Amino acid sequence: MQPEPPLCPLCLRPIPPDVPQSLHHLVPKLKGGKGGPTVLLHHICHKEIHARFSEAELARHLNTPAALRADPRLAGFLNWIARRPPEFTSRVPKRR
C-alpha cells in the first residue's frame, strides 16, 4: 500500500510524486528567510504566488499558507485550480 501523497497547503489538493512540485520559503530568502521554514507546493501554485505578490508582501503579511489562502488576490486562482485534477499543469503569466 502506497502512502498518501502530501497535500498542497495552498490549493489543498494532493501532490502526486510525478507532478512538478517545489519548496516555497514562507519568508523569501532575500528577506531573511534563508534556512527558514518551507512548504511543498504544486509548481503551478508556487509560480502563482510569485506572479501575484512582491517579496516584501510575502515576508511581511503572507508568510503562512493560511494568510496566502485568505488573500482576496488569490481567490480566483484557488477557485479555478480547485476544479483541476492534482496532476494539472499550466503556464503561469509573469508578474503582474
N, C-alpha and C. Protein backbone atom coordinates (compact mmCIF):
# COMPACT_ATOMS: atom_id res chain seq x y z
N MET A 1 0.83 -1.18 0.00
CA MET A 1 0.00 0.00 0.00
C MET A 1 0.88 1.24 0.00
N GLN A 2 0.61 2.16 -0.94
CA GLN A 2 1.42 3.36 -1.05
C GLN A 2 0.92 4.43 -0.08
N PRO A 3 1.86 5.22 0.46
CA PRO A 3 1.43 6.29 1.37
C PRO A 3 0.65 7.36 0.60
N GLU A 4 -0.21 8.06 1.30
CA GLU A 4 -0.98 9.14 0.70
C GLU A 4 -0.03 10.26 0.29
N PRO A 5 -0.23 10.86 -0.89
CA PRO A 5 0.63 11.98 -1.26
C PRO A 5 0.37 13.18 -0.35
N PRO A 6 1.38 14.03 -0.17
CA PRO A 6 1.17 15.20 0.67
C PRO A 6 0.15 16.14 0.03
N LEU A 7 -0.48 16.96 0.86
CA LEU A 7 -1.44 17.96 0.36
C LEU A 7 -0.71 19.28 0.15
N CYS A 8 -1.04 19.95 -0.92
CA CYS A 8 -0.52 21.30 -1.17
C CYS A 8 -1.22 22.24 -0.18
N PRO A 9 -0.46 22.96 0.65
CA PRO A 9 -1.09 23.82 1.64
C PRO A 9 -1.75 25.07 1.04
N LEU A 10 -1.55 25.31 -0.25
CA LEU A 10 -2.21 26.44 -0.88
C LEU A 10 -3.56 26.03 -1.47
N CYS A 11 -3.56 25.04 -2.37
CA CYS A 11 -4.80 24.65 -3.05
C CYS A 11 -5.51 23.48 -2.36
N LEU A 12 -4.82 22.83 -1.41
CA LEU A 12 -5.37 21.71 -0.64
C LEU A 12 -5.65 20.46 -1.47
N ARG A 13 -5.03 20.38 -2.66
CA ARG A 13 -5.13 19.16 -3.48
C ARG A 13 -3.90 18.30 -3.22
N PRO A 14 -4.00 16.97 -3.41
CA PRO A 14 -2.83 16.11 -3.25
C PRO A 14 -1.73 16.47 -4.25
N ILE A 15 -0.49 16.22 -3.86
CA ILE A 15 0.66 16.42 -4.75
C ILE A 15 1.22 15.04 -5.09
N PRO A 16 0.79 14.47 -6.22
CA PRO A 16 1.34 13.16 -6.61
C PRO A 16 2.85 13.26 -6.85
N PRO A 17 3.58 12.16 -6.64
CA PRO A 17 5.04 12.21 -6.75
C PRO A 17 5.55 12.58 -8.15
N ASP A 18 4.77 12.31 -9.18
CA ASP A 18 5.25 12.56 -10.55
C ASP A 18 4.82 13.93 -11.09
N VAL A 19 4.27 14.79 -10.24
CA VAL A 19 3.79 16.11 -10.64
C VAL A 19 4.85 17.16 -10.30
N PRO A 20 5.04 18.16 -11.17
CA PRO A 20 6.00 19.22 -10.82
C PRO A 20 5.64 19.86 -9.48
N GLN A 21 6.64 19.95 -8.61
CA GLN A 21 6.43 20.48 -7.27
C GLN A 21 7.66 21.28 -6.87
N SER A 22 7.50 22.16 -5.90
CA SER A 22 8.64 22.95 -5.44
C SER A 22 8.45 23.38 -4.00
N LEU A 23 9.57 23.71 -3.36
CA LEU A 23 9.54 24.19 -1.99
C LEU A 23 9.41 25.71 -1.99
N HIS A 24 8.50 26.22 -1.19
CA HIS A 24 8.29 27.66 -1.06
C HIS A 24 8.79 28.09 0.31
N HIS A 25 9.70 29.07 0.33
CA HIS A 25 10.15 29.66 1.59
C HIS A 25 9.05 30.58 2.09
N LEU A 26 8.55 30.34 3.28
CA LEU A 26 7.46 31.15 3.81
C LEU A 26 7.87 32.61 3.97
N VAL A 27 9.11 32.84 4.34
CA VAL A 27 9.71 34.18 4.27
C VAL A 27 10.75 34.09 3.16
N PRO A 28 10.62 34.92 2.11
CA PRO A 28 11.56 34.83 0.98
C PRO A 28 13.02 34.90 1.43
N LYS A 29 13.86 34.14 0.74
CA LYS A 29 15.28 34.11 1.08
C LYS A 29 15.89 35.51 1.07
N LEU A 30 15.49 36.33 0.11
CA LEU A 30 16.03 37.69 0.01
C LEU A 30 15.58 38.59 1.16
N LYS A 31 14.58 38.17 1.90
CA LYS A 31 14.07 38.96 3.03
C LYS A 31 14.36 38.29 4.36
N GLY A 32 15.39 37.45 4.40
CA GLY A 32 15.81 36.84 5.65
C GLY A 32 15.32 35.44 5.90
N GLY A 33 14.69 34.83 4.91
CA GLY A 33 14.12 33.50 5.11
C GLY A 33 15.02 32.34 4.75
N LYS A 34 16.28 32.61 4.37
CA LYS A 34 17.18 31.52 4.03
C LYS A 34 17.36 30.63 5.25
N GLY A 35 17.11 29.35 5.09
CA GLY A 35 17.21 28.41 6.20
C GLY A 35 15.94 28.37 7.05
N GLY A 36 14.95 29.18 6.69
CA GLY A 36 13.69 29.21 7.43
C GLY A 36 12.73 28.14 6.96
N PRO A 37 11.52 28.16 7.48
CA PRO A 37 10.54 27.13 7.13
C PRO A 37 10.12 27.19 5.66
N THR A 38 9.88 26.02 5.11
CA THR A 38 9.41 25.89 3.73
C THR A 38 8.18 24.99 3.71
N VAL A 39 7.42 25.09 2.62
CA VAL A 39 6.29 24.19 2.41
C VAL A 39 6.38 23.65 0.99
N LEU A 40 5.96 22.41 0.81
CA LEU A 40 5.93 21.79 -0.51
C LEU A 40 4.63 22.16 -1.20
N LEU A 41 4.74 22.71 -2.41
CA LEU A 41 3.58 23.15 -3.20
C LEU A 41 3.61 22.53 -4.58
N HIS A 42 2.44 22.48 -5.24
CA HIS A 42 2.44 22.23 -6.68
C HIS A 42 3.25 23.36 -7.31
N HIS A 43 3.98 23.06 -8.35
CA HIS A 43 4.77 24.10 -9.00
C HIS A 43 3.88 25.23 -9.51
N ILE A 44 2.71 24.89 -10.05
CA ILE A 44 1.79 25.91 -10.56
C ILE A 44 1.34 26.85 -9.43
N CYS A 45 1.12 26.32 -8.24
CA CYS A 45 0.71 27.14 -7.10
C CYS A 45 1.86 28.06 -6.67
N HIS A 46 3.06 27.52 -6.65
CA HIS A 46 4.24 28.31 -6.28
C HIS A 46 4.45 29.45 -7.27
N LYS A 47 4.33 29.16 -8.55
CA LYS A 47 4.50 30.20 -9.57
C LYS A 47 3.44 31.28 -9.42
N GLU A 48 2.24 30.89 -9.10
CA GLU A 48 1.15 31.86 -8.95
C GLU A 48 1.42 32.81 -7.78
N ILE A 49 1.93 32.30 -6.69
CA ILE A 49 2.27 33.15 -5.54
C ILE A 49 3.24 34.24 -5.97
N HIS A 50 4.30 33.83 -6.65
CA HIS A 50 5.35 34.80 -7.02
C HIS A 50 4.93 35.69 -8.19
N ALA A 51 3.92 35.30 -8.95
CA ALA A 51 3.40 36.17 -10.01
C ALA A 51 2.53 37.28 -9.43
N ARG A 52 1.93 37.04 -8.28
CA ARG A 52 0.96 37.99 -7.71
C ARG A 52 1.52 38.89 -6.61
N PHE A 53 2.54 38.43 -5.91
CA PHE A 53 2.99 39.17 -4.72
C PHE A 53 4.47 39.51 -4.79
N SER A 54 4.81 40.65 -4.19
CA SER A 54 6.22 41.03 -4.09
C SER A 54 6.87 40.25 -2.94
N GLU A 55 8.19 40.23 -2.96
CA GLU A 55 8.92 39.56 -1.88
C GLU A 55 8.61 40.25 -0.54
N ALA A 56 8.49 41.58 -0.55
CA ALA A 56 8.19 42.31 0.69
C ALA A 56 6.81 41.93 1.23
N GLU A 57 5.81 41.82 0.35
CA GLU A 57 4.46 41.42 0.79
C GLU A 57 4.48 40.02 1.40
N LEU A 58 5.21 39.13 0.73
CA LEU A 58 5.30 37.75 1.23
C LEU A 58 5.96 37.72 2.60
N ALA A 59 7.02 38.48 2.78
CA ALA A 59 7.74 38.48 4.06
C ALA A 59 6.91 39.10 5.17
N ARG A 60 6.23 40.23 4.87
CA ARG A 60 5.53 40.98 5.91
C ARG A 60 4.18 40.39 6.29
N HIS A 61 3.37 40.06 5.29
CA HIS A 61 1.96 39.73 5.57
C HIS A 61 1.52 38.34 5.13
N LEU A 62 2.24 37.75 4.21
CA LEU A 62 1.77 36.50 3.60
C LEU A 62 2.75 35.36 3.84
N ASN A 63 3.19 35.22 5.10
CA ASN A 63 4.23 34.24 5.40
C ASN A 63 3.71 32.96 6.03
N THR A 64 2.41 32.68 5.80
CA THR A 64 1.84 31.38 6.19
C THR A 64 0.90 30.93 5.07
N PRO A 65 0.71 29.63 4.93
CA PRO A 65 -0.25 29.17 3.92
C PRO A 65 -1.66 29.73 4.17
N ALA A 66 -2.06 29.85 5.43
CA ALA A 66 -3.40 30.38 5.73
C ALA A 66 -3.54 31.83 5.29
N ALA A 67 -2.51 32.64 5.49
CA ALA A 67 -2.55 34.04 5.06
C ALA A 67 -2.63 34.13 3.53
N LEU A 68 -1.89 33.28 2.85
CA LEU A 68 -1.95 33.26 1.38
C LEU A 68 -3.34 32.88 0.90
N ARG A 69 -3.90 31.81 1.48
CA ARG A 69 -5.24 31.36 1.06
C ARG A 69 -6.30 32.42 1.34
N ALA A 70 -6.12 33.22 2.39
CA ALA A 70 -7.11 34.22 2.77
C ALA A 70 -7.02 35.50 1.94
N ASP A 71 -5.93 35.70 1.22
CA ASP A 71 -5.77 36.94 0.45
C ASP A 71 -6.73 36.93 -0.74
N PRO A 72 -7.54 37.98 -0.90
CA PRO A 72 -8.53 38.01 -1.99
C PRO A 72 -7.90 37.99 -3.38
N ARG A 73 -6.63 38.37 -3.49
CA ARG A 73 -5.98 38.35 -4.81
C ARG A 73 -5.72 36.94 -5.31
N LEU A 74 -5.78 35.96 -4.43
CA LEU A 74 -5.60 34.56 -4.85
C LEU A 74 -6.93 33.81 -4.96
N ALA A 75 -8.03 34.44 -4.57
CA ALA A 75 -9.33 33.75 -4.54
C ALA A 75 -9.72 33.17 -5.90
N GLY A 76 -9.56 33.95 -6.96
CA GLY A 76 -9.92 33.45 -8.29
C GLY A 76 -9.08 32.25 -8.70
N PHE A 77 -7.77 32.34 -8.45
CA PHE A 77 -6.89 31.22 -8.78
C PHE A 77 -7.28 29.99 -7.98
N LEU A 78 -7.51 30.15 -6.67
CA LEU A 78 -7.84 29.00 -5.82
C LEU A 78 -9.15 28.35 -6.24
N ASN A 79 -10.14 29.15 -6.61
CA ASN A 79 -11.41 28.59 -7.11
C ASN A 79 -11.19 27.84 -8.41
N TRP A 80 -10.37 28.40 -9.27
CA TRP A 80 -10.10 27.78 -10.58
C TRP A 80 -9.32 26.48 -10.42
N ILE A 81 -8.24 26.52 -9.64
CA ILE A 81 -7.37 25.34 -9.54
C ILE A 81 -8.06 24.21 -8.77
N ALA A 82 -8.99 24.54 -7.88
CA ALA A 82 -9.70 23.50 -7.12
C ALA A 82 -10.49 22.57 -8.03
N ARG A 83 -10.85 23.05 -9.21
CA ARG A 83 -11.62 22.23 -10.15
C ARG A 83 -10.72 21.43 -11.09
N ARG A 84 -9.42 21.50 -10.92
CA ARG A 84 -8.47 20.79 -11.77
C ARG A 84 -7.96 19.55 -11.03
N PRO A 85 -7.59 18.52 -11.78
CA PRO A 85 -7.02 17.33 -11.13
C PRO A 85 -5.64 17.66 -10.53
N PRO A 86 -5.20 16.89 -9.54
CA PRO A 86 -3.92 17.18 -8.87
C PRO A 86 -2.73 17.22 -9.82
N GLU A 87 -2.81 16.49 -10.94
CA GLU A 87 -1.66 16.45 -11.86
C GLU A 87 -1.69 17.57 -12.91
N PHE A 88 -2.67 18.46 -12.83
CA PHE A 88 -2.82 19.54 -13.81
C PHE A 88 -1.63 20.49 -13.74
N THR A 89 -1.11 20.86 -14.91
CA THR A 89 -0.07 21.89 -15.01
C THR A 89 -0.46 22.85 -16.11
N SER A 90 0.03 24.05 -16.00
CA SER A 90 -0.26 25.08 -16.98
C SER A 90 0.78 26.17 -16.84
N ARG A 91 0.91 26.97 -17.85
CA ARG A 91 1.81 28.11 -17.75
C ARG A 91 1.17 29.19 -16.89
N VAL A 92 1.97 29.86 -16.11
CA VAL A 92 1.51 30.95 -15.25
C VAL A 92 2.05 32.24 -15.82
N PRO A 93 1.21 33.26 -15.97
CA PRO A 93 1.71 34.53 -16.51
C PRO A 93 2.80 35.12 -15.62
N LYS A 94 3.62 35.98 -16.23
CA LYS A 94 4.66 36.67 -15.48
C LYS A 94 4.03 37.62 -14.46
N ARG A 95 4.87 38.14 -13.58
CA ARG A 95 4.42 39.06 -12.53
C ARG A 95 3.56 40.17 -13.11
N ARG A 96 2.46 40.46 -12.41
CA ARG A 96 1.53 41.49 -12.86
C ARG A 96 1.84 42.81 -12.23
